[in-house]
Protein backbone atom coordinates (compact mmCIF):
# COMPACT_ATOMS: atom_id res chain seq x y z
CA MET A 1 136.03 46.58 86.01
CA SER A 2 138.26 45.12 83.69
CA LYS A 3 137.71 45.59 80.36
CA LYS A 4 137.24 42.48 77.69
CA ASN A 5 139.97 41.51 75.26
CA LEU A 6 138.20 41.69 71.92
CA THR A 7 139.21 40.31 69.37
CA THR A 8 139.67 42.00 65.54
CA GLU A 9 138.65 39.49 63.74
CA LYS A 10 135.85 40.95 61.76
CA SER A 11 132.24 38.97 60.93
CA ALA A 12 132.11 37.12 57.50
CA LYS A 13 128.73 39.80 55.92
CA LYS A 14 131.37 43.41 57.29
CA THR A 15 133.73 41.65 55.27
CA LEU A 16 131.85 41.11 52.54
CA ARG A 17 130.28 44.84 52.67
CA THR A 18 133.62 45.82 52.50
CA GLN A 19 133.85 43.83 49.71
CA ILE A 20 130.91 45.64 47.68
CA GLU A 21 131.31 49.04 49.08
CA ASN A 22 135.25 48.11 46.95
CA LYS A 23 133.94 46.84 43.46
CA LEU A 24 130.72 49.68 43.81
CA PHE A 25 133.99 52.03 44.14
CA SER A 26 135.93 51.68 41.63
CA ALA A 27 132.85 50.52 39.00
CA PHE A 28 131.40 54.33 39.69
CA GLU A 29 134.32 56.47 40.28
CA ASP A 30 132.57 59.00 37.28
CA LEU A 31 129.66 59.50 39.05
CA LYS A 32 131.51 60.50 42.20
CA SER A 33 133.24 63.43 40.70
CA ILE A 34 129.13 64.32 39.72
CA VAL A 35 127.32 63.83 42.75
CA GLY A 36 130.11 64.58 45.37
CA GLU A 37 132.31 62.59 47.37
CA LYS A 38 130.58 62.90 50.71
CA LYS A 39 127.08 61.80 48.72
CA PHE A 40 128.24 59.43 46.31
CA SER A 41 130.49 57.92 49.87
CA ARG A 42 126.78 57.46 51.38
CA HIS A 43 124.86 55.55 48.43
CA VAL A 44 127.75 53.26 48.50
CA LYS A 45 127.89 52.57 51.73
CA LYS A 46 123.31 52.04 51.55
CA ALA A 47 124.22 50.40 48.80
CA SER A 48 126.55 47.86 50.00
CA LYS A 49 124.45 47.41 53.32
CA ILE A 50 121.26 46.05 51.87
CA LEU A 51 123.24 43.77 48.60
CA ALA A 52 124.95 41.73 51.91
CA ALA A 53 121.61 42.33 54.12
CA GLY A 54 120.60 38.97 51.72
CA ALA A 55 123.98 36.91 52.70
CA LYS A 56 123.53 35.01 55.55
CA ASP A 57 126.89 33.21 58.02
CA PRO A 58 127.06 29.89 57.55
CA LYS A 59 125.89 28.07 60.45
CA PRO A 60 127.90 25.26 61.72
CA LYS A 61 126.06 21.63 61.72
CA LYS A 62 124.63 19.94 64.24
CA VAL A 63 126.16 16.47 64.76
CA LYS A 64 124.07 13.66 66.07
CA LYS A 65 124.15 11.49 68.64
CA ALA A 66 123.89 7.70 69.16
CA ALA A 67 120.16 6.35 69.11
CA LYS A 68 120.39 5.12 73.12
CA PRO A 69 119.25 1.22 72.55
CA THR A 70 116.29 0.61 74.11
CA LYS A 71 114.97 -1.80 76.65
CA ALA A 72 113.86 -4.90 74.39
CA ALA A 73 117.51 -4.84 73.51
CA LYS A 74 119.58 -4.76 76.59
CA ALA A 75 116.96 -7.43 77.48
CA ALA A 76 118.16 -9.06 75.05
CA GLU A 77 121.46 -8.64 75.42
CA HIS A 78 121.42 -9.74 78.86
CA VAL A 79 118.85 -12.65 77.70
CA SER A 80 122.18 -14.42 75.53
C-alpha cells in the first residue's frame, strides 16, 4: 500500500489561528512570567481556537447554467 503525498498547505482557519496565537503571545508577555510558560501557552491556544472558530472558510461561488429553451421556443424557431 502506498502512501499518498499530502500537501503542506494549511487551511485558512489554521493560519488565522496561528496569527491569533502570535498576537496574543506578544500582547500578554507579562502574564507569561506570572502564570508560567506551560499554562500560559495552553490558555493562549484555547483562546485562539475559540476566536478562530467564528471564522468561516469562503465557499466557491456556484456558476448558474444557462436555461434550456422551452418546447414553445423550439417550435417557434422551426416555424419561422
